[in-house]
Amino acid sequence: MALINRITRLFKADFHAVLDQIEEPEQLLKQAIRDMEDDLSATEQRIKVCAHDQEALAVRRGELEHTLAELDGQLDLCFESDKDDLAKNLVRRKLEAARLLKRLDAKHSANKAYLADQGTMLDENRATLESLRQKAELFSQRTPGPDGDGSEYDDISWMAREMTVGDDEVEVAFLREKSLRGAA
């Protein structure tokens, strides 16, 4: 069974190597940038729609508060005039308006949290997009190899290895900096 697993892994590795040779890293990077730009545009649109909803909820909330104040005035008048039947109908409307106001407040809070989350995600995605653009710029400015066709830098994994800083490197640099600060 172990032999079959090893052979399967070998075929998968060979297949992935063939796919890596077929793919054009520069085109893949450009497509990733286009996809990210589309995602950013969609996120910005969702934020605009939600912000518009927030404004509409605030307007509706103001209307309901005004209605509740009017109902309180009408109730005062009904109680002064001993119109209990009319007062009961106004109390019912006041309760309905109060429930609707409570729902609007809940919706407003949920939208506020959603807007905060989307804003954070938008900022993160913008940073990622800028990073992709920088990588694409570096990739497009690559110098040709010894044979003049740029084959020395065709492997995008080279760029990823060169630009990626590992956790171990951070730890070693941190310890080095800490010891320098401790010795001084």
N, C-alpha and C. Protein backbone atom coordinates (compact mmCIF):
# COMPACT_ATOMS: atom_id res chain seq x y z
N MET A 1 0.82 -1.19 0.00
CA MET A 1 0.00 0.00 0.00
C MET A 1 0.87 1.26 0.00
N ALA A 2 1.98 1.25 0.76
CA ALA A 2 2.87 2.40 0.81
C ALA A 2 3.50 2.65 -0.55
N LEU A 3 3.78 1.58 -1.29
CA LEU A 3 4.36 1.72 -2.61
C LEU A 3 3.38 2.43 -3.55
N ILE A 4 2.12 2.06 -3.47
CA ILE A 4 1.10 2.69 -4.33
C ILE A 4 0.98 4.18 -3.99
N ASN A 5 1.01 4.51 -2.70
CA ASN A 5 0.93 5.91 -2.29
C ASN A 5 2.13 6.70 -2.82
N ARG A 6 3.31 6.11 -2.75
CA ARG A 6 4.51 6.80 -3.23
C ARG A 6 4.45 7.01 -4.74
N ILE A 7 3.99 6.00 -5.47
CA ILE A 7 3.88 6.12 -6.93
C ILE A 7 2.83 7.17 -7.29
N THR A 8 1.72 7.16 -6.56
CA THR A 8 0.67 8.17 -6.80
C THR A 8 1.22 9.57 -6.56
N ARG A 9 1.94 9.75 -5.50
CA ARG A 9 2.54 11.04 -5.18
C ARG A 9 3.53 11.47 -6.28
N LEU A 10 4.28 10.52 -6.78
CA LEU A 10 5.25 10.81 -7.84
C LEU A 10 4.53 11.28 -9.10
N PHE A 11 3.44 10.59 -9.48
CA PHE A 11 2.68 11.00 -10.66
C PHE A 11 2.06 12.39 -10.46
N LYS A 12 1.54 12.63 -9.27
CA LYS A 12 0.96 13.95 -8.99
C LYS A 12 2.02 15.03 -9.11
N ALA A 13 3.19 14.78 -8.56
CA ALA A 13 4.27 15.76 -8.62
C ALA A 13 4.67 16.03 -10.06
N ASP A 14 4.78 14.98 -10.86
CA ASP A 14 5.13 15.15 -12.27
C ASP A 14 4.03 15.93 -13.01
N PHE A 15 2.79 15.61 -12.72
CA PHE A 15 1.67 16.29 -13.36
C PHE A 15 1.67 17.78 -13.00
N HIS A 16 1.89 18.08 -11.73
CA HIS A 16 1.95 19.48 -11.31
C HIS A 16 3.13 20.21 -11.93
N ALA A 17 4.25 19.51 -12.10
CA ALA A 17 5.41 20.12 -12.75
C ALA A 17 5.09 20.48 -14.20
N VAL A 18 4.38 19.60 -14.88
CA VAL A 18 3.98 19.86 -16.27
C VAL A 18 3.04 21.07 -16.31
N LEU A 19 2.08 21.13 -15.40
CA LEU A 19 1.16 22.27 -15.35
C LEU A 19 1.91 23.57 -15.08
N ASP A 20 2.90 23.52 -14.18
CA ASP A 20 3.69 24.71 -13.89
C ASP A 20 4.42 25.21 -15.12
N GLN A 21 4.89 24.29 -15.97
CA GLN A 21 5.58 24.68 -17.19
C GLN A 21 4.62 25.28 -18.21
N ILE A 22 3.38 24.80 -18.23
CA ILE A 22 2.39 25.27 -19.19
C ILE A 22 1.89 26.67 -18.82
N GLU A 23 1.67 26.91 -17.53
CA GLU A 23 1.13 28.18 -17.07
C GLU A 23 2.12 29.32 -17.33
N GLU A 24 1.56 30.47 -17.59
CA GLU A 24 2.38 31.66 -17.77
C GLU A 24 2.24 32.50 -16.50
N PRO A 25 3.28 32.56 -15.70
CA PRO A 25 3.19 33.25 -14.41
C PRO A 25 2.79 34.72 -14.53
N GLU A 26 3.28 35.39 -15.53
CA GLU A 26 2.96 36.81 -15.69
C GLU A 26 1.47 36.99 -15.96
N GLN A 27 0.90 36.12 -16.80
CA GLN A 27 -0.52 36.20 -17.10
C GLN A 27 -1.37 35.84 -15.88
N LEU A 28 -0.91 34.83 -15.13
CA LEU A 28 -1.63 34.46 -13.91
C LEU A 28 -1.64 35.60 -12.90
N LEU A 29 -0.53 36.29 -12.78
CA LEU A 29 -0.43 37.42 -11.86
C LEU A 29 -1.35 38.56 -12.31
N LYS A 30 -1.37 38.83 -13.61
CA LYS A 30 -2.26 39.87 -14.13
C LYS A 30 -3.73 39.51 -13.88
N GLN A 31 -4.06 38.23 -14.07
CA GLN A 31 -5.44 37.79 -13.83
C GLN A 31 -5.79 37.91 -12.35
N ALA A 32 -4.85 37.58 -11.48
CA ALA A 32 -5.09 37.71 -10.04
C ALA A 32 -5.35 39.17 -9.68
N ILE A 33 -4.63 40.08 -10.31
CA ILE A 33 -4.84 41.52 -10.06
C ILE A 33 -6.22 41.94 -10.55
N ARG A 34 -6.61 41.48 -11.74
CA ARG A 34 -7.95 41.81 -12.26
C ARG A 34 -9.04 41.27 -11.34
N ASP A 35 -8.87 40.04 -10.88
CA ASP A 35 -9.86 39.44 -9.96
C ASP A 35 -9.95 40.23 -8.66
N MET A 36 -8.80 40.64 -8.14
CA MET A 36 -8.78 41.40 -6.90
C MET A 36 -9.44 42.76 -7.10
N GLU A 37 -9.19 43.40 -8.24
CA GLU A 37 -9.83 44.69 -8.53
C GLU A 37 -11.34 44.52 -8.62
N ASP A 38 -11.81 43.44 -9.22
CA ASP A 38 -13.25 43.17 -9.30
C ASP A 38 -13.83 42.96 -7.90
N ASP A 39 -13.13 42.21 -7.06
CA ASP A 39 -13.59 41.99 -5.69
C ASP A 39 -13.65 43.29 -4.91
N LEU A 40 -12.64 44.14 -5.10
CA LEU A 40 -12.64 45.44 -4.42
C LEU A 40 -13.82 46.30 -4.87
N SER A 41 -14.08 46.28 -6.16
CA SER A 41 -15.20 47.04 -6.70
C SER A 41 -16.53 46.54 -6.12
N ALA A 42 -16.68 45.22 -6.05
CA ALA A 42 -17.91 44.65 -5.49
C ALA A 42 -18.04 45.00 -4.01
N THR A 43 -16.95 44.94 -3.27
CA THR A 43 -16.99 45.28 -1.85
C THR A 43 -17.35 46.76 -1.66
N GLU A 44 -16.75 47.63 -2.47
CA GLU A 44 -17.09 49.04 -2.38
C GLU A 44 -18.56 49.28 -2.68
N GLN A 45 -19.11 48.55 -3.64
CA GLN A 45 -20.53 48.68 -3.98
C GLN A 45 -21.40 48.22 -2.81
N ARG A 46 -21.03 47.10 -2.18
CA ARG A 46 -21.80 46.62 -1.02
C ARG A 46 -21.75 47.65 0.11
N ILE A 47 -20.61 48.26 0.30
CA ILE A 47 -20.47 49.26 1.36
C ILE A 47 -21.36 50.48 1.06
N LYS A 48 -21.38 50.90 -0.20
CA LYS A 48 -22.24 52.03 -0.58
C LYS A 48 -23.71 51.71 -0.33
N VAL A 49 -24.13 50.51 -0.72
CA VAL A 49 -25.53 50.12 -0.53
C VAL A 49 -25.87 50.08 0.96
N CYS A 50 -24.99 49.50 1.75
CA CYS A 50 -25.23 49.41 3.19
C CYS A 50 -25.24 50.80 3.83
N ALA A 51 -24.35 51.68 3.39
CA ALA A 51 -24.34 53.05 3.93
C ALA A 51 -25.63 53.77 3.56
N HIS A 52 -26.13 53.54 2.36
CA HIS A 52 -27.41 54.13 1.95
C HIS A 52 -28.54 53.58 2.83
N ASP A 53 -28.51 52.28 3.11
CA ASP A 53 -29.50 51.68 4.00
C ASP A 53 -29.43 52.31 5.39
N GLN A 54 -28.20 52.57 5.87
CA GLN A 54 -28.03 53.19 7.18
C GLN A 54 -28.71 54.56 7.20
N GLU A 55 -28.51 55.33 6.14
CA GLU A 55 -29.13 56.65 6.06
C GLU A 55 -30.66 56.53 6.06
N ALA A 56 -31.17 55.57 5.28
CA ALA A 56 -32.62 55.37 5.23
C ALA A 56 -33.16 54.95 6.59
N LEU A 57 -32.42 54.08 7.28
CA LEU A 57 -32.86 53.66 8.62
C LEU A 57 -32.86 54.83 9.59
N ALA A 58 -31.87 55.70 9.48
CA ALA A 58 -31.81 56.87 10.36
C ALA A 58 -33.00 57.81 10.10
N VAL A 59 -33.35 57.99 8.83
CA VAL A 59 -34.50 58.83 8.48
C VAL A 59 -35.78 58.21 9.03
N ARG A 60 -35.93 56.91 8.82
CA ARG A 60 -37.14 56.20 9.31
C ARG A 60 -37.21 56.25 10.83
N ARG A 61 -36.07 56.16 11.49
CA ARG A 61 -36.03 56.23 12.95
C ARG A 61 -36.51 57.59 13.42
N GLY A 62 -36.05 58.63 12.75
CA GLY A 62 -36.49 59.98 13.09
C GLY A 62 -37.99 60.15 12.91
N GLU A 63 -38.51 59.58 11.82
CA GLU A 63 -39.96 59.64 11.58
C GLU A 63 -40.73 58.93 12.69
N LEU A 64 -40.23 57.76 13.08
CA LEU A 64 -40.91 57.00 14.14
C LEU A 64 -40.86 57.74 15.48
N GLU A 65 -39.74 58.35 15.78
CA GLU A 65 -39.64 59.12 17.03
C GLU A 65 -40.62 60.29 17.01
N HIS A 66 -40.74 60.94 15.86
CA HIS A 66 -41.70 62.03 15.72
C HIS A 66 -43.13 61.51 15.89
N THR A 67 -43.42 60.37 15.29
CA THR A 67 -44.75 59.76 15.41
C THR A 67 -45.04 59.41 16.86
N LEU A 68 -44.06 58.86 17.57
CA LEU A 68 -44.26 58.52 18.98
C LEU A 68 -44.56 59.78 19.81
N ALA A 69 -43.86 60.86 19.50
CA ALA A 69 -44.12 62.11 20.22
C ALA A 69 -45.53 62.62 19.94
N GLU A 70 -45.96 62.52 18.67
CA GLU A 70 -47.33 62.93 18.32
C GLU A 70 -48.36 62.06 19.03
N LEU A 71 -48.09 60.74 19.08
CA LEU A 71 -49.02 59.83 19.75
C LEU A 71 -49.12 60.16 21.24
N ASP A 72 -47.98 60.51 21.85
CA ASP A 72 -48.02 60.90 23.27
C ASP A 72 -48.91 62.12 23.47
N GLY A 73 -48.81 63.10 22.59
CA GLY A 73 -49.66 64.29 22.67
C GLY A 73 -51.12 63.94 22.49
N GLN A 74 -51.40 63.07 21.53
CA GLN A 74 -52.79 62.66 21.29
C GLN A 74 -53.33 61.86 22.47
N LEU A 75 -52.49 61.05 23.08
CA LEU A 75 -52.92 60.29 24.26
C LEU A 75 -53.25 61.23 25.41
N ASP A 76 -52.42 62.24 25.61
CA ASP A 76 -52.72 63.22 26.66
C ASP A 76 -54.08 63.84 26.44
N LEU A 77 -54.37 64.21 25.20
CA LEU A 77 -55.65 64.81 24.85
C LEU A 77 -56.81 63.84 25.10
N CYS A 78 -56.62 62.57 24.72
CA CYS A 78 -57.67 61.55 24.91
C CYS A 78 -57.96 61.34 26.39
N PHE A 79 -56.92 61.30 27.23
CA PHE A 79 -57.12 61.07 28.66
C PHE A 79 -57.77 62.29 29.31
N GLU A 80 -57.44 63.49 28.82
CA GLU A 80 -58.09 64.69 29.34
C GLU A 80 -59.56 64.72 28.99
N SER A 81 -59.90 64.17 27.82
CA SER A 81 -61.28 64.18 27.33
C SER A 81 -62.03 62.91 27.68
N ASP A 82 -61.45 62.03 28.46
CA ASP A 82 -62.07 60.75 28.85
C ASP A 82 -62.51 59.92 27.65
N LYS A 83 -61.67 59.85 26.63
CA LYS A 83 -61.94 59.04 25.42
C LYS A 83 -61.07 57.78 25.50
N ASP A 84 -61.48 56.84 26.35
CA ASP A 84 -60.69 55.63 26.59
C ASP A 84 -60.60 54.73 25.35
N ASP A 85 -61.68 54.62 24.58
CA ASP A 85 -61.63 53.78 23.37
C ASP A 85 -60.61 54.31 22.37
N LEU A 86 -60.64 55.61 22.18
CA LEU A 86 -59.68 56.22 21.26
C LEU A 86 -58.26 56.10 21.81
N ALA A 87 -58.13 56.22 23.13
CA ALA A 87 -56.82 56.11 23.77
C ALA A 87 -56.25 54.69 23.57
N LYS A 88 -57.10 53.66 23.66
CA LYS A 88 -56.63 52.28 23.47
C LYS A 88 -56.09 52.10 22.05
N ASN A 89 -56.76 52.66 21.06
CA ASN A 89 -56.27 52.56 19.67
C ASN A 89 -54.93 53.26 19.52
N LEU A 90 -54.79 54.42 20.17
CA LEU A 90 -53.52 55.15 20.11
C LEU A 90 -52.42 54.39 20.84
N VAL A 91 -52.77 53.73 21.95
CA VAL A 91 -51.79 52.92 22.67
C VAL A 91 -51.31 51.78 21.80
N ARG A 92 -52.25 51.16 21.07
CA ARG A 92 -51.88 50.07 20.15
C ARG A 92 -50.91 50.60 19.09
N ARG A 93 -51.20 51.75 18.49
CA ARG A 93 -50.31 52.33 17.48
C ARG A 93 -48.96 52.68 18.08
N LYS A 94 -48.97 53.16 19.32
CA LYS A 94 -47.71 53.50 19.98
C LYS A 94 -46.86 52.26 20.22
N LEU A 95 -47.50 51.18 20.65
CA LEU A 95 -46.77 49.92 20.86
C LEU A 95 -46.18 49.39 19.55
N GLU A 96 -46.99 49.46 18.47
CA GLU A 96 -46.50 49.01 17.17
C GLU A 96 -45.31 49.86 16.71
N ALA A 97 -45.42 51.16 16.90
CA ALA A 97 -44.32 52.06 16.51
C ALA A 97 -43.08 51.79 17.36
N ALA A 98 -43.27 51.52 18.64
CA ALA A 98 -42.13 51.23 19.52
C ALA A 98 -41.45 49.92 19.10
N ARG A 99 -42.23 48.91 18.74
CA ARG A 99 -41.64 47.64 18.27
C ARG A 99 -40.87 47.84 16.97
N LEU A 100 -41.46 48.61 16.07
CA LEU A 100 -40.79 48.89 14.80
C LEU A 100 -39.50 49.66 15.05
N LEU A 101 -39.53 50.59 15.98
CA LEU A 101 -38.33 51.35 16.32
C LEU A 101 -37.25 50.43 16.89
N LYS A 102 -37.66 49.48 17.70
CA LYS A 102 -36.70 48.51 18.26
C LYS A 102 -36.08 47.67 17.14
N ARG A 103 -36.88 47.24 16.18
CA ARG A 103 -36.35 46.46 15.04
C ARG A 103 -35.40 47.31 14.19
N LEU A 104 -35.77 48.56 13.99
CA LEU A 104 -34.91 49.45 13.23
C LEU A 104 -33.57 49.65 13.93
N ASP A 105 -33.61 49.79 15.25
CA ASP A 105 -32.36 49.94 16.00
C ASP A 105 -31.48 48.70 15.87
N ALA A 106 -32.12 47.52 15.92
CA ALA A 106 -31.35 46.27 15.77
C ALA A 106 -30.74 46.19 14.36
N LYS A 107 -31.52 46.55 13.37
CA LYS A 107 -31.03 46.53 11.99
C LYS A 107 -29.91 47.56 11.81
N HIS A 108 -30.06 48.70 12.43
CA HIS A 108 -29.04 49.75 12.35
C HIS A 108 -27.74 49.25 12.98
N SER A 109 -27.83 48.60 14.12
CA SER A 109 -26.63 48.06 14.79
C SER A 109 -25.97 46.99 13.94
N ALA A 110 -26.78 46.11 13.36
CA ALA A 110 -26.23 45.05 12.50
C ALA A 110 -25.54 45.65 11.28
N ASN A 111 -26.16 46.65 10.67
CA ASN A 111 -25.54 47.31 9.52
C ASN A 111 -24.25 48.01 9.90
N LYS A 112 -24.23 48.60 11.09
CA LYS A 112 -23.03 49.29 11.55
C LYS A 112 -21.87 48.30 11.69
N ALA A 113 -22.16 47.13 12.29
CA ALA A 113 -21.13 46.09 12.43
C ALA A 113 -20.69 45.58 11.06
N TYR A 114 -21.64 45.37 10.16
CA TYR A 114 -21.33 44.91 8.81
C TYR A 114 -20.44 45.92 8.09
N LEU A 115 -20.78 47.20 8.21
CA LEU A 115 -19.97 48.24 7.58
C LEU A 115 -18.55 48.25 8.12
N ALA A 116 -18.41 48.07 9.43
CA ALA A 116 -17.07 48.03 10.03
C ALA A 116 -16.28 46.84 9.50
N ASP A 117 -16.91 45.68 9.44
CA ASP A 117 -16.24 44.48 8.93
C ASP A 117 -15.85 44.65 7.46
N GLN A 118 -16.77 45.17 6.67
CA GLN A 118 -16.49 45.35 5.25
C GLN A 118 -15.39 46.39 5.04
N GLY A 119 -15.39 47.44 5.86
CA GLY A 119 -14.33 48.45 5.77
C GLY A 119 -12.97 47.86 6.07
N THR A 120 -12.91 47.03 7.10
CA THR A 120 -11.65 46.36 7.45
C THR A 120 -11.20 45.44 6.31
N MET A 121 -12.15 44.66 5.80
CA MET A 121 -11.83 43.75 4.70
C MET A 121 -11.38 44.53 3.46
N LEU A 122 -12.01 45.66 3.20
CA LEU A 122 -11.64 46.49 2.05
C LEU A 122 -10.22 47.00 2.21
N ASP A 123 -9.86 47.45 3.40
CA ASP A 123 -8.50 47.93 3.63
C ASP A 123 -7.48 46.82 3.44
N GLU A 124 -7.79 45.63 3.96
CA GLU A 124 -6.88 44.49 3.80
C GLU A 124 -6.73 44.11 2.33
N ASN A 125 -7.84 44.10 1.62
CA ASN A 125 -7.80 43.74 0.20
C ASN A 125 -7.04 44.78 -0.62
N ARG A 126 -7.18 46.05 -0.25
CA ARG A 126 -6.41 47.09 -0.96
C ARG A 126 -4.91 46.88 -0.75
N ALA A 127 -4.54 46.53 0.48
CA ALA A 127 -3.12 46.28 0.76
C ALA A 127 -2.63 45.08 -0.04
N THR A 128 -3.44 44.04 -0.11
CA THR A 128 -3.07 42.85 -0.88
C THR A 128 -2.95 43.19 -2.36
N LEU A 129 -3.89 43.98 -2.86
CA LEU A 129 -3.84 44.38 -4.26
C LEU A 129 -2.58 45.18 -4.55
N GLU A 130 -2.24 46.09 -3.66
CA GLU A 130 -1.03 46.88 -3.85
C GLU A 130 0.20 45.97 -3.88
N SER A 131 0.21 44.98 -3.01
CA SER A 131 1.32 44.02 -2.99
C SER A 131 1.39 43.25 -4.31
N LEU A 132 0.24 42.82 -4.81
CA LEU A 132 0.22 42.10 -6.10
C LEU A 132 0.70 43.01 -7.23
N ARG A 133 0.29 44.26 -7.19
CA ARG A 133 0.74 45.20 -8.23
C ARG A 133 2.25 45.39 -8.19
N GLN A 134 2.80 45.48 -6.98
CA GLN A 134 4.24 45.63 -6.84
C GLN A 134 4.96 44.39 -7.37
N LYS A 135 4.42 43.23 -7.06
CA LYS A 135 5.04 42.00 -7.56
C LYS A 135 4.95 41.94 -9.08
N ALA A 136 3.82 42.36 -9.62
CA ALA A 136 3.66 42.36 -11.08
C ALA A 136 4.64 43.33 -11.72
N GLU A 137 4.84 44.47 -11.08
CA GLU A 137 5.79 45.44 -11.62
C GLU A 137 7.20 44.88 -11.59
N LEU A 138 7.56 44.23 -10.49
CA LEU A 138 8.88 43.61 -10.41
C LEU A 138 9.02 42.52 -11.46
N PHE A 139 7.97 41.76 -11.63
CA PHE A 139 8.00 40.65 -12.59
C PHE A 139 8.13 41.18 -14.01
N SER A 140 7.44 42.28 -14.31
CA SER A 140 7.51 42.82 -15.68
C SER A 140 8.84 43.51 -15.95
N GLN A 141 9.55 43.93 -14.91
CA GLN A 141 10.83 44.60 -15.08
C GLN A 141 12.02 43.64 -15.00
N ARG A 142 11.76 42.37 -15.02
CA ARG A 142 12.85 41.41 -14.89
C ARG A 142 13.84 41.56 -16.04
N THR A 143 15.07 41.25 -15.73
CA THR A 143 16.13 41.37 -16.75
C THR A 143 16.28 40.05 -17.47
N PRO A 144 16.64 40.08 -18.74
CA PRO A 144 16.82 38.83 -19.48
C PRO A 144 17.99 38.03 -18.92
N GLY A 145 17.87 36.74 -19.04
CA GLY A 145 18.91 35.83 -18.57
C GLY A 145 20.10 35.85 -19.51
N PRO A 146 21.08 34.98 -19.26
CA PRO A 146 22.29 34.95 -20.08
C PRO A 146 22.00 34.69 -21.56
N ASP A 147 20.96 33.92 -21.83
CA ASP A 147 20.65 33.62 -23.23
C ASP A 147 19.69 34.66 -23.83
N GLY A 148 19.32 35.72 -23.07
CA GLY A 148 18.54 36.82 -23.61
C GLY A 148 17.04 36.63 -23.62
N ASP A 149 16.51 35.48 -23.18
CA ASP A 149 15.07 35.27 -23.24
C ASP A 149 14.38 35.39 -21.89
N GLY A 150 15.11 35.75 -20.85
CA GLY A 150 14.49 35.90 -19.55
C GLY A 150 14.24 34.60 -18.84
N SER A 151 14.78 33.49 -19.34
CA SER A 151 14.48 32.19 -18.76
C SER A 151 15.04 32.04 -17.35
N GLU A 152 16.03 32.84 -17.00
CA GLU A 152 16.61 32.75 -15.66
C GLU A 152 15.57 33.09 -14.59
N TYR A 153 14.60 33.95 -14.93
CA TYR A 153 13.62 34.40 -13.95
C TYR A 153 12.20 33.95 -14.27
N ASP A 154 12.04 32.97 -15.12
CA ASP A 154 10.70 32.56 -15.51
C ASP A 154 9.94 31.85 -14.41
N ASP A 155 10.60 31.34 -13.43
CA ASP A 155 9.91 30.62 -12.37
C ASP A 155 9.42 31.61 -11.32
N ILE A 156 8.11 31.78 -11.23
CA ILE A 156 7.55 32.74 -10.28
C ILE A 156 7.80 32.33 -8.84
N SER A 157 8.06 31.06 -8.61
CA SER A 157 8.35 30.62 -7.25
C SER A 157 9.65 31.23 -6.76
N TRP A 158 10.57 31.55 -7.70
CA TRP A 158 11.80 32.24 -7.32
C TRP A 158 11.46 33.57 -6.65
N MET A 159 10.54 34.31 -7.26
CA MET A 159 10.17 35.61 -6.74
C MET A 159 9.50 35.45 -5.37
N ALA A 160 8.65 34.48 -5.24
CA ALA A 160 7.97 34.27 -3.97
C ALA A 160 8.97 33.91 -2.88
N ARG A 161 9.96 33.07 -3.22
CA ARG A 161 10.98 32.70 -2.22
C ARG A 161 11.79 33.90 -1.80
N GLU A 162 12.14 34.76 -2.77
CA GLU A 162 12.97 35.91 -2.48
C GLU A 162 12.23 36.96 -1.66
N MET A 163 10.93 37.10 -1.86
CA MET A 163 10.17 38.16 -1.20
C MET A 163 9.55 37.72 0.11
N THR A 164 9.45 36.43 0.36
CA THR A 164 8.80 35.93 1.55
C THR A 164 9.80 35.85 2.70
N VAL A 165 9.39 36.37 3.85
CA VAL A 165 10.21 36.30 5.05
C VAL A 165 9.56 35.28 5.97
N GLY A 166 10.31 34.26 6.34
CA GLY A 166 9.77 33.19 7.18
C GLY A 166 9.75 33.57 8.65
N ASP A 167 8.96 32.84 9.41
CA ASP A 167 8.85 33.07 10.85
C ASP A 167 10.19 32.85 11.54
N ASP A 168 10.94 31.86 11.06
CA ASP A 168 12.25 31.59 11.67
C ASP A 168 13.19 32.77 11.48
N GLU A 169 13.16 33.37 10.28
CA GLU A 169 14.02 34.53 10.03
C GLU A 169 13.64 35.68 10.94
N VAL A 170 12.35 35.87 11.15
CA VAL A 170 11.89 36.93 12.04
C VAL A 170 12.37 36.68 13.46
N GLU A 171 12.24 35.43 13.91
CA GLU A 171 12.67 35.08 15.26
C GLU A 171 14.16 35.33 15.46
N VAL A 172 14.98 34.90 14.48
CA VAL A 172 16.44 35.07 14.58
C VAL A 172 16.78 36.56 14.58
N ALA A 173 16.16 37.32 13.70
CA ALA A 173 16.43 38.76 13.64
C ALA A 173 15.97 39.44 14.92
N PHE A 174 14.84 39.00 15.46
CA PHE A 174 14.34 39.55 16.72
C PHE A 174 15.33 39.30 17.85
N LEU A 175 15.83 38.06 17.95
CA LEU A 175 16.79 37.72 19.00
C LEU A 175 18.08 38.52 18.82
N ARG A 176 18.51 38.69 17.58
CA ARG A 176 19.72 39.47 17.30
C ARG A 176 19.52 40.92 17.75
N GLU A 177 18.38 41.50 17.39
CA GLU A 177 18.09 42.88 17.78
C GLU A 177 17.98 43.01 19.29
N LYS A 178 17.37 42.04 19.91
CA LYS A 178 17.20 42.05 21.36
C LYS A 178 18.54 41.99 22.06
N SER A 179 19.44 41.12 21.55
CA SER A 179 20.76 41.01 22.17
C SER A 179 21.58 42.28 21.95
N LEU A 180 21.43 42.93 20.79
CA LEU A 180 22.12 44.18 20.54
C LEU A 180 21.63 45.27 21.50
N ARG A 181 20.34 45.30 21.74
CA ARG A 181 19.77 46.31 22.63
C ARG A 181 20.15 46.02 24.09
N GLY A 182 20.25 44.74 24.41
CA GLY A 182 20.61 44.33 25.77
C GLY A 182 22.08 44.61 26.06
N ALA A 183 22.95 44.49 25.04
CA ALA A 183 24.37 44.71 25.23
C ALA A 183 24.70 46.20 25.31
N ALA A 184 23.88 47.03 24.74
CA ALA A 184 24.16 48.47 24.69
C ALA A 184 23.78 49.19 25.94
